[in-house]
Structures are given as structure tokens and as C-alpha cells.
Amino acid sequence: MMIQRDENHVVARRIRRLTVERKLPLVTTNYVVAELHALMLSKVGRAIALRGLLDIDRGRTLVIRVGEDDERRARQILIRYDDKDFSLTGATSFAVMERLGITEAFTFDHHFVQFGLWALGLELEHG
């Protein structure tokens, strides 16, 4: 679900189109879905926030459950990168990506780059 008035909307639509055309798998975590719902709830209201959840359920995005090992690894990441302001959700994303061998993210979050991952949104936005 993309919000048209978001500053990254045009680039996000381009990335989404590329993922569809190239049949690239989309993966996220249940932590990110929960954070997305909370953000949408505060920005665009209940109805659209719920529609966003239902779109994820019906879509082709694979939602990976964050496990205890991922949470432990996320805490290690937060300790190791104590000079960065990674959120727990971000750190669990890094842990799950490590576990699954994923090195590229459809994100505009510079923390992914700070952790050593490739952030497609930032790459297209500035490149």
C-alpha cells in the first residue's frame, strides 16, 4: 500500500513496478507489518490502515515471523552498533535478512545502508 502524498511515492511506484515485472519476491516481517499498521493508523486512519493489512494478506509479500533467535540477534546488533539509532524493528529486519541471505531491501531507510545492506529506494532516489 502506497500513500500518494508520501515524498517517496514516485520512486516507490517505480520500484514496485520493477518487482512485478521481474517477479522479484517481496519479504517482510510481522514486526514491520505491525509498525506499518500503526503508522498508517496515525497518518491516514483506520479504514485505510485495515485495507493495507488486507492488501498484504492478499498480495504476494511473504511475511516472515520474527523468532526468538532473530530477537537475540537483533539485540546483539543494537549492542554492536550502539552509535546508530536502529530501532528494534529495524534490527530484527537485519537479523531476518541475515538468516535468509537477503542483501537488498526495498526501503528508503538509511539504517539498512549503515548496516551494510543495499537500499533500493535510496539508490533510485539519488541515482
Protein backbone atom coordinates (compact mmCIF):
# COMPACT_ATOMS: atom_id res chain seq x y z
CA MET A 1 0.00 0.00 0.00
CA MET A 2 1.46 3.33 -1.05
CA ILE A 3 0.29 6.76 0.01
CA GLN A 4 0.38 9.17 -2.93
CA ARG A 5 1.30 12.21 -0.86
CA ASP A 6 4.36 10.45 0.55
CA GLU A 7 7.57 12.14 -0.60
CA ASN A 8 8.94 8.80 -1.89
CA HIS A 9 5.77 7.82 -3.76
CA VAL A 10 7.11 8.18 -7.33
CA VAL A 11 10.27 6.20 -6.65
CA ALA A 12 8.34 3.59 -4.64
CA ARG A 13 5.94 3.06 -7.58
CA ARG A 14 8.92 2.59 -9.89
CA ILE A 15 10.44 0.00 -7.57
CA ARG A 16 7.12 -1.80 -7.18
CA ARG A 17 6.70 -1.92 -10.96
CA LEU A 18 10.20 -3.41 -11.29
CA THR A 19 9.47 -6.08 -8.67
CA VAL A 20 6.28 -7.08 -10.52
CA GLU A 21 7.89 -7.07 -13.97
CA ARG A 22 10.88 -9.11 -12.80
CA LYS A 23 8.77 -11.31 -10.49
CA LEU A 24 11.06 -10.50 -7.59
CA PRO A 25 10.00 -11.96 -4.26
CA LEU A 26 8.86 -9.50 -1.60
CA VAL A 27 9.61 -10.41 2.00
CA THR A 28 8.87 -8.55 5.22
CA THR A 29 8.43 -9.40 8.88
CA ASN A 30 5.44 -9.39 11.18
CA TYR A 31 7.22 -6.61 13.15
CA VAL A 32 7.32 -4.40 10.04
CA VAL A 33 3.66 -5.13 9.28
CA ALA A 34 2.70 -4.12 12.84
CA GLU A 35 4.78 -0.93 12.59
CA LEU A 36 3.27 -0.13 9.18
CA HIS A 37 -0.26 -0.56 10.53
CA ALA A 38 0.46 1.76 13.49
CA LEU A 39 1.94 4.39 11.18
CA MET A 40 -0.95 4.20 8.73
CA LEU A 41 -3.45 4.34 11.58
CA SER A 42 -1.96 7.61 12.80
CA LYS A 43 -1.49 9.14 9.33
CA VAL A 44 -4.46 8.02 7.21
CA GLY A 45 -6.98 6.46 9.59
CA ARG A 46 -8.50 3.10 10.50
CA ALA A 47 -10.12 2.21 7.20
CA ILE A 48 -7.02 2.65 5.07
CA ALA A 49 -4.79 1.06 7.71
CA LEU A 50 -7.03 -2.01 7.72
CA ARG A 51 -7.11 -2.09 3.93
CA GLY A 52 -3.30 -2.03 4.00
CA LEU A 53 -3.23 -5.13 6.22
CA LEU A 54 -5.73 -6.92 4.00
CA ASP A 55 -3.72 -5.98 0.88
CA ILE A 56 -0.64 -7.57 2.44
CA ASP A 57 -2.65 -10.71 3.28
CA ARG A 58 -3.95 -10.97 -0.31
CA GLY A 59 -0.73 -9.91 -2.00
CA ARG A 60 2.44 -11.69 -2.94
CA THR A 61 4.52 -10.46 0.02
CA LEU A 62 5.82 -13.25 2.23
CA VAL A 63 5.57 -12.25 5.91
CA ILE A 64 8.27 -13.92 7.99
CA ARG A 65 7.66 -14.30 11.71
CA VAL A 66 10.44 -12.91 13.88
CA GLY A 67 11.63 -15.72 16.13
CA GLU A 68 13.47 -15.78 19.43
CA ASP A 69 16.83 -16.27 17.71
CA ASP A 70 16.09 -13.25 15.49
CA GLU A 71 15.26 -11.17 18.57
CA ARG A 72 18.50 -12.25 20.26
CA ARG A 73 20.47 -11.40 17.13
CA ALA A 74 18.67 -8.02 16.91
CA ARG A 75 19.78 -7.19 20.45
CA GLN A 76 23.36 -8.13 19.52
CA ILE A 77 23.09 -5.80 16.52
CA LEU A 78 21.85 -2.96 18.75
CA ILE A 79 24.77 -3.51 21.13
CA ARG A 80 27.34 -3.77 18.31
CA TYR A 81 26.01 -0.66 16.53
CA ASP A 82 25.47 1.43 19.65
CA ASP A 83 26.48 4.56 17.72
CA LYS A 84 23.45 4.13 15.40
CA ASP A 85 19.80 4.76 16.23
CA PHE A 86 18.48 1.47 14.80
CA SER A 87 15.02 0.58 16.07
CA LEU A 88 14.31 -2.91 17.38
CA THR A 89 12.09 -3.45 14.34
CA GLY A 90 14.95 -2.44 12.05
CA ALA A 91 17.42 -4.67 13.87
CA THR A 92 15.03 -7.64 13.65
CA SER A 93 14.74 -6.97 9.92
CA PHE A 94 18.54 -7.12 9.65
CA ALA A 95 18.60 -10.37 11.65
CA VAL A 96 15.94 -11.99 9.46
CA MET A 97 17.69 -10.79 6.31
CA GLU A 98 20.96 -12.32 7.55
CA ARG A 99 19.18 -15.57 8.35
CA LEU A 100 17.60 -15.73 4.88
CA GLY A 101 20.67 -14.47 3.00
CA ILE A 102 18.88 -11.35 1.73
CA THR A 103 21.18 -8.39 0.94
CA GLU A 104 18.82 -5.98 -0.85
CA ALA A 105 15.89 -4.07 0.63
CA PHE A 106 13.02 -2.09 -0.90
CA THR A 107 13.42 0.76 1.59
CA PHE A 108 14.22 4.43 1.94
CA ASP A 109 15.70 3.85 5.40
CA HIS A 110 19.40 4.79 5.56
CA HIS A 111 19.88 2.41 8.51
CA PHE A 112 19.91 -0.52 6.08
CA VAL A 113 22.91 1.02 4.31
CA GLN A 114 24.59 1.72 7.66
CA PHE A 115 24.22 -1.97 8.44
CA GLY A 116 25.81 -2.89 5.09
CA LEU A 117 22.74 -3.73 3.02
CA TRP A 118 21.66 -2.32 -0.33
CA ALA A 119 18.64 0.04 -0.05
CA LEU A 120 16.96 0.11 -3.45
CA GLY A 121 14.79 3.11 -2.60
CA LEU A 122 17.76 5.26 -1.66
CA GLU A 123 19.72 4.05 -4.70
CA LEU A 124 16.98 5.05 -7.15
CA GLU A 125 16.13 8.23 -5.28
CA HIS A 126 19.69 9.52 -5.58
CA GLY A 127 20.85 7.67 -8.67
